[in-house]
Amino acid sequence: MSEKVKDNGRKGIIALERIESVILLIRDERVILDNDLARLYGIETRRLNEQVRRNADRFPHDFMFQVSSEEFEDLKSHFATSRSGWGGRRKLPLAFTEHGAIMAASVLNTPLAVEMSIFVVRAFIRMRSFLASHKELALKVADLERKLSTHDKQILAIIEAIKQLMAPPPAAKKRPIGFRPDEK
C-alpha cells in the first residue's frame, strides 16, 4: 500500500500517503489546493495558476474552483497558514478535483507532472474506496442500532411480563369454605 516514486531529480521520496494527506474536503468535493498540487508536480504555484488561466476552457467548475474567503479563513485556522502581509498567500487558492489535477498535469506537460498525476489519481481512488468501506460500515452500525432499539423494547416487554408473573396474585376476597345457600 505504500507505493513510492522517486521524485525525478529531487532528493526526497514522495509517498502515496503524503499525497492523500493534502487531499481536503471542500464543498463536499475532495480536492487538492493549487500550492500542494504545484509542489507535487515540481513547479511554482504561480506557474500552475498561469497555465490554468491560459487553458481556462479545460477547467470547468467540476474540475476546479476558487476557494471562497470564508473557506480560506477556515483553512488558515486549521492549518495555521501565514497572513498575506508576512509572505503568505495574496490570492484565494484554486481547488482541483481529481479530474482537474489530471488536466493540470496535461497542460503542464512536464515528465514529473505526468508521472505524479498517476499517483494523485491513485491517492484519490484509495481515498474513495476507504470512504466507501467506511460508509458500508456506518450503514451496518446504523442497522444494528435500529435492531437493538426494537430489541430493547421487546426485552423490556419480556421483563415486564416476568415481573407480572412473579408478582403475587391480587388479594382476593376470602370466602369461607363450604356451601352457602345464599350464593348463586
N, C-alpha and C. Protein backbone atom coordinates (compact mmCIF):
# COMPACT_ATOMS: atom_id res chain seq x y z
N MET A 1 0.81 -1.20 0.00
CA MET A 1 0.00 0.00 0.00
C MET A 1 0.85 1.26 0.00
N SER A 2 2.08 1.14 0.39
CA SER A 2 2.92 2.32 0.49
C SER A 2 3.73 2.52 -0.78
N GLU A 3 3.03 2.75 -1.88
CA GLU A 3 3.71 2.94 -3.15
C GLU A 3 4.49 4.24 -3.11
N LYS A 4 5.70 4.21 -3.61
CA LYS A 4 6.52 5.42 -3.59
C LYS A 4 7.13 5.61 -4.95
N VAL A 5 7.42 6.85 -5.26
CA VAL A 5 8.06 7.18 -6.52
C VAL A 5 9.20 8.13 -6.24
N LYS A 6 10.32 7.92 -6.89
CA LYS A 6 11.41 8.88 -6.78
C LYS A 6 10.98 10.12 -7.50
N ASP A 7 11.33 11.20 -7.00
CA ASP A 7 10.78 12.46 -7.42
C ASP A 7 11.77 13.13 -8.39
N ASN A 8 12.04 12.48 -9.51
CA ASN A 8 12.93 12.88 -10.61
C ASN A 8 13.80 14.09 -10.33
N GLY A 9 15.02 13.84 -9.93
CA GLY A 9 15.97 14.93 -9.75
C GLY A 9 15.96 15.52 -8.36
N ARG A 10 14.97 15.29 -7.59
CA ARG A 10 14.96 15.81 -6.22
C ARG A 10 15.34 14.69 -5.29
N LYS A 11 15.83 15.05 -4.11
CA LYS A 11 16.36 14.06 -3.18
C LYS A 11 15.26 13.27 -2.46
N GLY A 12 14.12 13.89 -2.25
CA GLY A 12 13.08 13.25 -1.44
C GLY A 12 12.30 12.17 -2.18
N ILE A 13 11.60 11.40 -1.44
CA ILE A 13 10.69 10.39 -1.99
C ILE A 13 9.29 10.77 -1.55
N ILE A 14 8.38 10.80 -2.52
CA ILE A 14 7.01 11.21 -2.21
C ILE A 14 6.17 9.94 -2.07
N ALA A 15 5.54 9.77 -0.94
CA ALA A 15 4.72 8.58 -0.67
C ALA A 15 3.27 8.87 -1.03
N LEU A 16 2.58 7.81 -1.38
CA LEU A 16 1.16 7.93 -1.69
C LEU A 16 0.40 8.49 -0.49
N GLU A 17 0.82 8.11 0.71
CA GLU A 17 0.18 8.63 1.92
C GLU A 17 0.35 10.14 2.02
N ARG A 18 1.47 10.66 1.57
CA ARG A 18 1.70 12.11 1.63
C ARG A 18 0.74 12.83 0.69
N ILE A 19 0.51 12.23 -0.47
CA ILE A 19 -0.45 12.84 -1.41
C ILE A 19 -1.84 12.82 -0.79
N GLU A 20 -2.19 11.69 -0.17
CA GLU A 20 -3.51 11.61 0.47
C GLU A 20 -3.66 12.66 1.56
N SER A 21 -2.57 13.00 2.21
CA SER A 21 -2.66 13.96 3.32
C SER A 21 -2.98 15.38 2.84
N VAL A 22 -2.77 15.69 1.57
CA VAL A 22 -3.08 17.04 1.08
C VAL A 22 -4.44 17.10 0.39
N ILE A 23 -5.13 15.98 0.34
CA ILE A 23 -6.48 15.97 -0.23
C ILE A 23 -7.44 16.46 0.85
N LEU A 24 -8.18 17.51 0.55
CA LEU A 24 -9.10 18.13 1.50
C LEU A 24 -10.53 17.96 1.03
N LEU A 25 -11.47 18.16 1.94
CA LEU A 25 -12.89 18.12 1.59
C LEU A 25 -13.43 19.55 1.68
N ILE A 26 -13.73 20.11 0.51
CA ILE A 26 -14.29 21.46 0.43
C ILE A 26 -15.51 21.39 -0.47
N ARG A 27 -16.63 21.95 -0.01
CA ARG A 27 -17.90 21.93 -0.75
C ARG A 27 -18.30 20.50 -1.12
N ASP A 28 -18.08 19.59 -0.22
CA ASP A 28 -18.40 18.17 -0.43
C ASP A 28 -17.64 17.56 -1.61
N GLU A 29 -16.51 18.14 -1.95
CA GLU A 29 -15.64 17.63 -3.02
C GLU A 29 -14.27 17.36 -2.42
N ARG A 30 -13.65 16.26 -2.82
CA ARG A 30 -12.27 16.01 -2.43
C ARG A 30 -11.38 16.74 -3.43
N VAL A 31 -10.53 17.63 -2.90
CA VAL A 31 -9.72 18.50 -3.75
C VAL A 31 -8.29 18.60 -3.23
N ILE A 32 -7.42 19.08 -4.12
CA ILE A 32 -6.05 19.43 -3.76
C ILE A 32 -5.89 20.90 -4.09
N LEU A 33 -5.37 21.68 -3.14
CA LEU A 33 -5.16 23.10 -3.39
C LEU A 33 -4.00 23.32 -4.36
N ASP A 34 -4.03 24.45 -5.03
CA ASP A 34 -3.04 24.74 -6.07
C ASP A 34 -1.60 24.66 -5.57
N ASN A 35 -1.33 25.17 -4.36
CA ASN A 35 0.06 25.14 -3.88
C ASN A 35 0.54 23.71 -3.61
N ASP A 36 -0.34 22.84 -3.11
CA ASP A 36 0.03 21.44 -2.89
C ASP A 36 0.22 20.70 -4.21
N LEU A 37 -0.66 20.97 -5.17
CA LEU A 37 -0.54 20.33 -6.48
C LEU A 37 0.72 20.78 -7.19
N ALA A 38 1.02 22.06 -7.11
CA ALA A 38 2.24 22.59 -7.73
C ALA A 38 3.48 21.94 -7.11
N ARG A 39 3.46 21.79 -5.79
CA ARG A 39 4.59 21.15 -5.11
C ARG A 39 4.75 19.70 -5.58
N LEU A 40 3.63 18.99 -5.70
CA LEU A 40 3.68 17.60 -6.18
C LEU A 40 4.22 17.52 -7.61
N TYR A 41 3.83 18.47 -8.44
CA TYR A 41 4.25 18.47 -9.84
C TYR A 41 5.61 19.12 -10.05
N GLY A 42 6.21 19.61 -8.98
CA GLY A 42 7.56 20.15 -9.05
C GLY A 42 7.67 21.51 -9.74
N ILE A 43 6.64 22.33 -9.62
CA ILE A 43 6.67 23.67 -10.22
C ILE A 43 6.20 24.69 -9.17
N GLU A 44 6.32 25.96 -9.51
CA GLU A 44 5.84 27.02 -8.63
C GLU A 44 4.33 27.16 -8.78
N THR A 45 3.69 27.57 -7.70
CA THR A 45 2.23 27.73 -7.71
C THR A 45 1.82 28.75 -8.77
N ARG A 46 2.57 29.83 -8.89
CA ARG A 46 2.19 30.86 -9.86
C ARG A 46 2.25 30.31 -11.29
N ARG A 47 3.19 29.39 -11.56
CA ARG A 47 3.27 28.80 -12.91
C ARG A 47 2.07 27.89 -13.17
N LEU A 48 1.67 27.13 -12.17
CA LEU A 48 0.48 26.27 -12.31
C LEU A 48 -0.74 27.13 -12.60
N ASN A 49 -0.93 28.18 -11.78
CA ASN A 49 -2.10 29.04 -11.96
C ASN A 49 -2.07 29.76 -13.30
N GLU A 50 -0.89 30.11 -13.74
CA GLU A 50 -0.72 30.76 -15.04
C GLU A 50 -1.18 29.82 -16.17
N GLN A 51 -0.77 28.57 -16.10
CA GLN A 51 -1.17 27.60 -17.13
C GLN A 51 -2.67 27.32 -17.08
N VAL A 52 -3.22 27.31 -15.89
CA VAL A 52 -4.66 27.10 -15.75
C VAL A 52 -5.42 28.27 -16.38
N ARG A 53 -4.97 29.50 -16.12
CA ARG A 53 -5.62 30.67 -16.73
C ARG A 53 -5.51 30.64 -18.25
N ARG A 54 -4.35 30.23 -18.76
CA ARG A 54 -4.17 30.16 -20.22
C ARG A 54 -5.05 29.09 -20.86
N ASN A 55 -5.41 28.08 -20.09
CA ASN A 55 -6.22 26.97 -20.61
C ASN A 55 -7.54 26.87 -19.85
N ALA A 56 -8.15 28.00 -19.58
CA ALA A 56 -9.36 28.06 -18.74
C ALA A 56 -10.48 27.17 -19.27
N ASP A 57 -10.58 27.02 -20.60
CA ASP A 57 -11.65 26.20 -21.16
C ASP A 57 -11.50 24.72 -20.83
N ARG A 58 -10.32 24.30 -20.36
CA ARG A 58 -10.10 22.90 -19.97
C ARG A 58 -10.45 22.64 -18.51
N PHE A 59 -10.84 23.68 -17.78
CA PHE A 59 -11.10 23.55 -16.36
C PHE A 59 -12.51 24.03 -16.00
N PRO A 60 -13.53 23.21 -16.29
CA PRO A 60 -14.89 23.59 -15.89
C PRO A 60 -15.00 23.55 -14.36
N HIS A 61 -16.13 23.99 -13.84
CA HIS A 61 -16.31 24.12 -12.39
C HIS A 61 -16.21 22.79 -11.64
N ASP A 62 -16.49 21.68 -12.32
CA ASP A 62 -16.38 20.40 -11.62
C ASP A 62 -14.94 19.86 -11.64
N PHE A 63 -14.03 20.56 -12.31
CA PHE A 63 -12.60 20.21 -12.32
C PHE A 63 -11.82 21.10 -11.36
N MET A 64 -12.25 22.34 -11.22
CA MET A 64 -11.50 23.31 -10.43
C MET A 64 -12.41 24.46 -10.04
N PHE A 65 -12.19 25.00 -8.84
CA PHE A 65 -12.93 26.20 -8.43
C PHE A 65 -12.04 27.00 -7.50
N GLN A 66 -12.37 28.27 -7.36
CA GLN A 66 -11.61 29.13 -6.46
C GLN A 66 -12.26 29.06 -5.08
N VAL A 67 -11.44 28.89 -4.06
CA VAL A 67 -11.91 28.80 -2.69
C VAL A 67 -12.43 30.18 -2.27
N SER A 68 -13.56 30.20 -1.55
CA SER A 68 -14.12 31.48 -1.08
C SER A 68 -13.30 32.01 0.10
N SER A 69 -13.51 33.27 0.44
CA SER A 69 -12.79 33.88 1.56
C SER A 69 -13.08 33.14 2.87
N GLU A 70 -14.36 32.76 3.07
CA GLU A 70 -14.74 32.05 4.29
C GLU A 70 -14.05 30.69 4.35
N GLU A 71 -14.04 29.97 3.22
CA GLU A 71 -13.37 28.67 3.19
C GLU A 71 -11.87 28.83 3.44
N PHE A 72 -11.29 29.88 2.88
CA PHE A 72 -9.86 30.11 3.05
C PHE A 72 -9.54 30.44 4.51
N GLU A 73 -10.40 31.25 5.15
CA GLU A 73 -10.19 31.57 6.56
C GLU A 73 -10.27 30.30 7.40
N ASP A 74 -11.22 29.43 7.06
CA ASP A 74 -11.35 28.16 7.78
C ASP A 74 -10.10 27.31 7.58
N LEU A 75 -9.58 27.28 6.36
CA LEU A 75 -8.35 26.53 6.08
C LEU A 75 -7.18 27.10 6.87
N LYS A 76 -7.10 28.43 6.90
CA LYS A 76 -6.00 29.08 7.64
C LYS A 76 -6.06 28.72 9.12
N SER A 77 -7.26 28.70 9.67
CA SER A 77 -7.38 28.38 11.09
C SER A 77 -7.03 26.92 11.37
N HIS A 78 -7.30 26.04 10.41
CA HIS A 78 -6.98 24.62 10.59
C HIS A 78 -5.50 24.32 10.37
N PHE A 79 -4.88 25.02 9.44
CA PHE A 79 -3.51 24.68 9.06
C PHE A 79 -2.49 25.75 9.39
N ALA A 80 -2.90 26.78 10.11
CA ALA A 80 -2.01 27.85 10.55
C ALA A 80 -1.23 28.46 9.39
N THR A 81 -1.93 28.81 8.31
CA THR A 81 -1.32 29.47 7.16
C THR A 81 -0.96 30.89 7.54
N SER A 82 0.17 31.38 7.04
CA SER A 82 0.58 32.74 7.40
C SER A 82 -0.30 33.79 6.74
N ARG A 83 -0.31 34.97 7.32
CA ARG A 83 -1.11 36.07 6.78
C ARG A 83 -0.46 36.63 5.52
N SER A 84 -1.27 37.25 4.69
CA SER A 84 -0.77 37.76 3.41
C SER A 84 0.32 38.82 3.59
N GLY A 85 0.28 39.58 4.65
CA GLY A 85 1.28 40.62 4.87
C GLY A 85 2.66 40.08 5.22
N TRP A 86 2.75 38.81 5.56
CA TRP A 86 4.01 38.24 6.01
C TRP A 86 4.47 37.10 5.11
N GLY A 87 4.30 37.22 3.84
CA GLY A 87 4.82 36.23 2.91
C GLY A 87 3.84 35.12 2.58
N GLY A 88 2.61 35.19 3.08
CA GLY A 88 1.62 34.16 2.79
C GLY A 88 0.94 34.43 1.46
N ARG A 89 -0.19 33.81 1.25
CA ARG A 89 -0.95 33.96 0.00
C ARG A 89 -1.57 35.34 -0.09
N ARG A 90 -1.59 35.85 -1.30
CA ARG A 90 -2.24 37.13 -1.53
C ARG A 90 -3.54 36.96 -2.31
N LYS A 91 -3.70 35.79 -2.93
CA LYS A 91 -4.92 35.48 -3.68
C LYS A 91 -5.53 34.22 -3.11
N LEU A 92 -6.83 34.10 -3.30
CA LEU A 92 -7.52 32.90 -2.84
C LEU A 92 -7.05 31.71 -3.68
N PRO A 93 -6.82 30.56 -3.04
CA PRO A 93 -6.29 29.41 -3.78
C PRO A 93 -7.32 28.77 -4.70
N LEU A 94 -6.81 28.05 -5.68
CA LEU A 94 -7.65 27.25 -6.55
C LEU A 94 -7.69 25.84 -5.96
N ALA A 95 -8.85 25.20 -6.05
CA ALA A 95 -9.02 23.83 -5.56
C ALA A 95 -9.28 22.93 -6.76
N PHE A 96 -8.47 21.88 -6.91
CA PHE A 96 -8.57 20.97 -8.05
C PHE A 96 -9.16 19.64 -7.62
N THR A 97 -10.20 19.21 -8.32
CA THR A 97 -10.74 17.88 -8.08
C THR A 97 -9.81 16.87 -8.74
N GLU A 98 -10.13 15.60 -8.63
CA GLU A 98 -9.30 14.56 -9.24
C GLU A 98 -9.12 14.82 -10.74
N HIS A 99 -10.21 15.13 -11.43
CA HIS A 99 -10.12 15.38 -12.87
C HIS A 99 -9.35 16.65 -13.18
N GLY A 100 -9.50 17.65 -12.32
CA GLY A 100 -8.75 18.89 -12.50
C GLY A 100 -7.26 18.68 -12.32
N ALA A 101 -6.87 17.82 -11.37
CA ALA A 101 -5.46 17.53 -11.14
C ALA A 101 -4.85 16.83 -12.35
N ILE A 102 -5.60 15.94 -12.96
CA ILE A 102 -5.13 15.25 -14.17
C ILE A 102 -5.00 16.25 -15.31
N MET A 103 -6.00 17.12 -15.46
CA MET A 103 -5.97 18.12 -16.53
C MET A 103 -4.80 19.07 -16.33
N ALA A 104 -4.52 19.43 -15.09
CA ALA A 104 -3.38 20.32 -14.81
C ALA A 104 -2.08 19.65 -15.26
N ALA A 105 -1.94 18.36 -15.01
CA ALA A 105 -0.74 17.64 -15.45
C ALA A 105 -0.63 17.66 -16.97
N SER A 106 -1.77 17.57 -17.64
CA SER A 106 -1.71 17.56 -19.11
C SER A 106 -1.36 18.94 -19.68
N VAL A 107 -1.80 20.03 -19.04
CA VAL A 107 -1.44 21.35 -19.56
C VAL A 107 -0.02 21.73 -19.19
N LEU A 108 0.49 21.17 -18.08
CA LEU A 108 1.88 21.45 -17.70
C LEU A 108 2.82 20.65 -18.59
N ASN A 109 2.45 19.40 -18.84
CA ASN A 109 3.19 18.53 -19.74
C ASN A 109 4.68 18.40 -19.39
N THR A 110 4.99 18.34 -18.11
CA THR A 110 6.36 18.05 -17.70
C THR A 110 6.40 16.58 -17.31
N PRO A 111 7.53 15.92 -17.46
CA PRO A 111 7.61 14.50 -17.11
C PRO A 111 7.19 14.22 -15.66
N LEU A 112 7.61 15.08 -14.73
CA LEU A 112 7.26 14.88 -13.33
C LEU A 112 5.76 15.05 -13.12
N ALA A 113 5.16 16.04 -13.76
CA ALA A 113 3.72 16.27 -13.62
C ALA A 113 2.94 15.06 -14.13
N VAL A 114 3.34 14.53 -15.26
CA VAL A 114 2.66 13.37 -15.82
C VAL A 114 2.82 12.17 -14.90
N GLU A 115 4.05 11.95 -14.41
CA GLU A 115 4.32 10.83 -13.52
C GLU A 115 3.55 10.97 -12.21
N MET A 116 3.55 12.16 -11.64
CA MET A 116 2.89 12.37 -10.36
C MET A 116 1.37 12.33 -10.49
N SER A 117 0.84 12.68 -11.66
CA SER A 117 -0.61 12.65 -11.83
C SER A 117 -1.14 11.23 -11.63
N ILE A 118 -0.34 10.24 -11.98
CA ILE A 118 -0.75 8.84 -11.77
C ILE A 118 -0.90 8.58 -10.27
N PHE A 119 0.03 9.07 -9.49
CA PHE A 119 -0.03 8.87 -8.04
C PHE A 119 -1.16 9.68 -7.41
N VAL A 120 -1.44 10.84 -7.98
CA VAL A 120 -2.55 11.65 -7.48
C VAL A 120 -3.86 10.90 -7.70
N VAL A 121 -4.02 10.33 -8.89
CA VAL A 121 -5.23 9.56 -9.19
C VAL A 121 -5.34 8.36 -8.26
N ARG A 122 -4.22 7.66 -8.04
CA ARG A 122 -4.24 6.51 -7.14
C ARG A 122 -4.61 6.93 -5.72
N ALA A 123 -4.15 8.08 -5.29
CA ALA A 123 -4.49 8.57 -3.95
C ALA A 123 -5.99 8.85 -3.85
N PHE A 124 -6.56 9.48 -4.88
CA PHE A 124 -8.00 9.75 -4.89
C PHE A 124 -8.78 8.43 -4.88
N ILE A 125 -8.33 7.45 -5.65
CA ILE A 125 -9.02 6.16 -5.72
C ILE A 125 -8.95 5.45 -4.38
N ARG A 126 -7.78 5.44 -3.75
CA ARG A 126 -7.66 4.80 -2.43
C ARG A 126 -8.55 5.47 -1.41
N MET A 127 -8.60 6.80 -1.46
CA MET A 127 -9.43 7.53 -0.52
C MET A 127 -10.91 7.21 -0.77
N ARG A 128 -11.29 7.13 -2.02
CA ARG A 128 -12.68 6.84 -2.36
C ARG A 128 -13.07 5.44 -1.87
N SER A 129 -12.20 4.44 -2.07
CA SER A 129 -12.52 3.09 -1.62
C SER A 129 -12.53 3.01 -0.10
N PHE A 130 -11.62 3.74 0.55
CA PHE A 130 -11.59 3.78 2.01
C PHE A 130 -12.89 4.36 2.55
N LEU A 131 -13.34 5.47 1.96
CA LEU A 131 -14.58 6.10 2.41
C LEU A 131 -15.79 5.23 2.11
N ALA A 132 -15.75 4.51 0.98
CA ALA A 132 -16.86 3.61 0.64
C ALA A 132 -16.96 2.49 1.66
N SER A 133 -15.82 1.92 2.06
CA SER A 133 -15.87 0.84 3.05
C SER A 133 -16.36 1.38 4.39
N HIS A 134 -15.99 2.59 4.73
CA HIS A 134 -16.47 3.19 5.98
C HIS A 134 -17.96 3.50 5.89
N LYS A 135 -18.42 3.86 4.71
CA LYS A 135 -19.84 4.14 4.53
C LYS A 135 -20.64 2.85 4.74
N GLU A 136 -20.13 1.74 4.18
CA GLU A 136 -20.77 0.45 4.38
C GLU A 136 -20.84 0.11 5.86
N LEU A 137 -19.72 0.30 6.55
CA LEU A 137 -19.66 0.02 7.98
C LEU A 137 -20.64 0.90 8.74
N ALA A 138 -20.73 2.16 8.38
CA ALA A 138 -21.65 3.08 9.05
C ALA A 138 -23.10 2.64 8.84
N LEU A 139 -23.42 2.15 7.64
CA LEU A 139 -24.78 1.65 7.37
C LEU A 139 -25.08 0.42 8.22
N LYS A 140 -24.09 -0.47 8.36
CA LYS A 140 -24.28 -1.68 9.17
C LYS A 140 -24.47 -1.32 10.64
N VAL A 141 -23.69 -0.35 11.14
CA VAL A 141 -23.83 0.08 12.53
C VAL A 141 -25.22 0.70 12.74
N ALA A 142 -25.66 1.52 11.81
CA ALA A 142 -26.99 2.13 11.93
C ALA A 142 -28.07 1.06 11.93
N ASP A 143 -27.93 0.04 11.09
CA ASP A 143 -28.89 -1.07 11.04
C ASP A 143 -28.89 -1.81 12.37
N LEU A 144 -27.71 -2.06 12.91
CA LEU A 144 -27.59 -2.74 14.20
C LEU A 144 -28.23 -1.91 15.31
N GLU A 145 -28.00 -0.61 15.30
CA GLU A 145 -28.62 0.26 16.31
C GLU A 145 -30.14 0.21 16.21
N ARG A 146 -30.64 0.22 14.98
CA ARG A 146 -32.09 0.15 14.77
C ARG A 146 -32.63 -1.16 15.32
N LYS A 147 -31.93 -2.26 15.02
CA LYS A 147 -32.36 -3.56 15.52
C LYS A 147 -32.30 -3.61 17.04
N LEU A 148 -31.25 -3.04 17.62
CA LEU A 148 -31.12 -3.04 19.07
C LEU A 148 -32.23 -2.24 19.72
N SER A 149 -32.62 -1.15 19.08
CA SER A 149 -33.68 -0.34 19.69
C SER A 149 -34.99 -1.13 19.71
N THR A 150 -35.28 -1.92 18.67
CA THR A 150 -36.50 -2.73 18.69
C THR A 150 -36.32 -3.89 19.67
N HIS A 151 -35.11 -4.43 19.77
CA HIS A 151 -34.85 -5.50 20.73
C HIS A 151 -35.01 -4.98 22.16
N ASP A 152 -34.58 -3.77 22.40
CA ASP A 152 -34.72 -3.18 23.73
C ASP A 152 -36.19 -3.14 24.14
N LYS A 153 -37.04 -2.74 23.21
CA LYS A 153 -38.48 -2.68 23.51
C LYS A 153 -39.01 -4.08 23.80
N GLN A 154 -38.57 -5.06 23.01
CA GLN A 154 -39.02 -6.44 23.21
C GLN A 154 -38.51 -6.99 24.54
N ILE A 155 -37.25 -6.69 24.86
CA ILE A 155 -36.68 -7.15 26.13
C ILE A 155 -37.42 -6.52 27.30
N LEU A 156 -37.73 -5.24 27.20
CA LEU A 156 -38.50 -4.57 28.26
C LEU A 156 -39.88 -5.20 28.42
N ALA A 157 -40.51 -5.57 27.31
CA ALA A 157 -41.82 -6.22 27.37
C ALA A 157 -41.71 -7.58 28.06
N ILE A 158 -40.65 -8.33 27.76
CA ILE A 158 -40.44 -9.63 28.39
C ILE A 158 -40.21 -9.46 29.89
N ILE A 159 -39.39 -8.49 30.27
CA ILE A 159 -39.12 -8.23 31.69
C ILE A 159 -40.41 -7.86 32.42
N GLU A 160 -41.22 -7.05 31.78
CA GLU A 160 -42.50 -6.65 32.39
C GLU A 160 -43.40 -7.86 32.57
N ALA A 161 -43.44 -8.75 31.58
CA ALA A 161 -44.26 -9.96 31.70
C ALA A 161 -43.75 -10.85 32.83
N ILE A 162 -42.42 -10.98 32.96
CA ILE A 162 -41.84 -11.79 34.04
C ILE A 162 -42.20 -11.18 35.39
N LYS A 163 -42.12 -9.85 35.49
CA LYS A 163 -42.49 -9.19 36.75
C LYS A 163 -43.94 -9.47 37.11
N GLN A 164 -44.82 -9.46 36.11
CA GLN A 164 -46.24 -9.72 36.36
C GLN A 164 -46.43 -11.16 36.84
N LEU A 165 -45.66 -12.09 36.26
CA LEU A 165 -45.77 -13.49 36.67
C LEU A 165 -45.21 -13.69 38.08
N MET A 166 -44.19 -12.93 38.43
CA MET A 166 -43.56 -13.07 39.74
C MET A 166 -44.37 -12.39 40.84
N ALA A 167 -45.18 -11.45 40.50
CA ALA A 167 -45.97 -10.72 41.49
C ALA A 167 -47.02 -11.65 42.10
N PRO A 168 -47.26 -11.49 43.38
CA PRO A 168 -48.30 -12.34 43.98
C PRO A 168 -49.66 -11.97 43.39
N PRO A 169 -50.53 -12.95 43.33
CA PRO A 169 -51.85 -12.65 42.77
C PRO A 169 -52.55 -11.59 43.62
N PRO A 170 -53.41 -10.83 43.02
CA PRO A 170 -54.10 -9.79 43.80
C PRO A 170 -54.90 -10.45 44.92
N ALA A 171 -54.95 -9.76 46.03
CA ALA A 171 -55.66 -10.30 47.20
C ALA A 171 -57.13 -10.45 46.86
N ALA A 172 -57.59 -11.70 46.90
CA ALA A 172 -59.00 -11.97 46.62
C ALA A 172 -59.79 -11.91 47.92
N LYS A 173 -61.05 -11.67 47.81
CA LYS A 173 -61.92 -11.62 48.98
C LYS A 173 -62.00 -13.04 49.52
N LYS A 174 -61.68 -13.21 50.78
CA LYS A 174 -61.68 -14.53 51.37
C LYS A 174 -63.11 -14.97 51.61
N ARG A 175 -63.35 -16.20 51.20
CA ARG A 175 -64.68 -16.77 51.42
C ARG A 175 -64.53 -17.95 52.38
N PRO A 176 -65.48 -18.13 53.12
CA PRO A 176 -65.44 -19.31 53.98
C PRO A 176 -65.57 -20.58 53.15
N ILE A 177 -64.97 -21.61 53.62
CA ILE A 177 -65.03 -22.90 52.91
C ILE A 177 -66.38 -23.53 53.14
N GLY A 178 -66.89 -24.12 52.10
CA GLY A 178 -68.16 -24.84 52.23
C GLY A 178 -69.24 -24.21 51.39
N PHE A 179 -70.47 -24.83 51.50
CA PHE A 179 -71.61 -24.38 50.71
C PHE A 179 -72.42 -23.39 51.51
N ARG A 180 -72.81 -22.34 50.81
CA ARG A 180 -73.69 -21.35 51.44
C ARG A 180 -74.93 -21.25 50.59
N PRO A 181 -76.06 -21.37 51.10
CA PRO A 181 -77.30 -21.39 50.31
C PRO A 181 -77.61 -20.05 49.64
N ASP A 182 -77.11 -18.94 50.13
CA ASP A 182 -77.42 -17.65 49.53
C ASP A 182 -76.56 -17.35 48.31
N GLU A 183 -75.56 -18.17 48.01
CA GLU A 183 -74.70 -17.93 46.84
C GLU A 183 -75.34 -18.52 45.60
N LYS A 184 -75.19 -17.89 44.51
CA LYS A 184 -75.71 -18.40 43.25
C LYS A 184 -74.63 -19.00 42.44
